[in-house]
Amino acid sequence: MDTSDYRIIYLFTDLLLPMIVGYLLYRHGKISDALINKILRGNVIVIYTILAFMSCWTLPISWDLALIPIYGILIVLFPALVGKAFFIRRYHSPLDRGAFLANAMMSNITTLGGVCAFILYGEQGFAYAQIMGIFQTLMLVLAVFPMAQYYYLQHKNHGKPGKIQMHFLSIFLSRNQLSIIGMAAGLALNAAGIARPPVLGDVFEGLVHFGAWFGMLPVGALVNLHRTRRYARYTLDLFPLRFFILPAFMMAISYPFVRDPVLLGTILVFSVTPGAINSVTAAKLYRLNVDYTIAGFLTTSVAFFFVVYPALYFFLR
């Protein structure tokens, strides 16, 4: 039996379960906001840096890797263009418009997409998620944050434009980006022909479980069902955009050029990955409709866990 045949249970044990546990612990006062922040930071700085290092150490190096930056950028920009052209007119408030676009542009590729790619393709799929996650972070800074500030200023100035100021270096030159160093180190050893010790394969799989729990448990703690219930029906606009239009576009521009079937499959997985918590972060930073972004994250995640990914898993298998 192929190892991915039993790794499908990780969808529930490593992704759904920690979200539920995080939600229950936070609602019963067992974990604080300070602890949630420490868990998130520790996961990003320590665990995901190690995982990025080990997965890139064994990643097959080919010309296909040069295409990942292009797809990593388009997977963020294309939903923004389609959303602005066809969906955004349904939202009258600039704060709601900015929140909708933040949900449309950001997807949970690094954590959720990484585990889902690992279920199907093992370490290679996980490595692709970490590399593409770099460019999603880049677009978070270069596109999502300025967009969020634009709509906040539009609201504040009653439709008039305002000056946008961004501090790019403070975001990129931080401990949160240490995983980039891990990737570079892994790729360097890979290119040098240094074989990774076999024992690290077992270590890697164990760390994937830890990383998934430490990544998804805080996300569950951030979910507020009472506050987001009123916005749930408005987030249905995200479903055709994220689960049909975006994957169709990504397949159309990647199938003719990508030779690696694993990379092609992971691109499809990443293109249907639900909304990311980064959209909530952008909404909080720029005072958009935070409840809408949380509702969008929650509804697309439920659809992904119970319908989209199981169907995609059996299609790709």
Foldseek 3Di string as FASTA:
>chain_A
DDQLVVLLCCLCLLAVVLLVVLQVCLVVPNDDPVVLVVLQLCLLQPLLLQLLLVLLLPADDDPLVVCLLVLLQCLQPVQLVCCVVPPLVVDDALLVSLLLSLQSRAFDQQQPLLSLLCSQPNSNLNNSSVVSVVNSLVCCQVPSLVSLQQSLVCNVVVRDGDDDDGDVCVSCVDSSPSSVVSNVNSNVNNVVVNDDPPVVSVVSVVSSSVSSSSNNNSLSNPADCVLQVVQLVVLVVSCCSQQPVQLVVQCVVDVVPDPDVSSSLSSSSRSNGGGDCSSLVSCVVSVGPNSNNSSRRVNSNVCCSPPVSVVSSVVSD
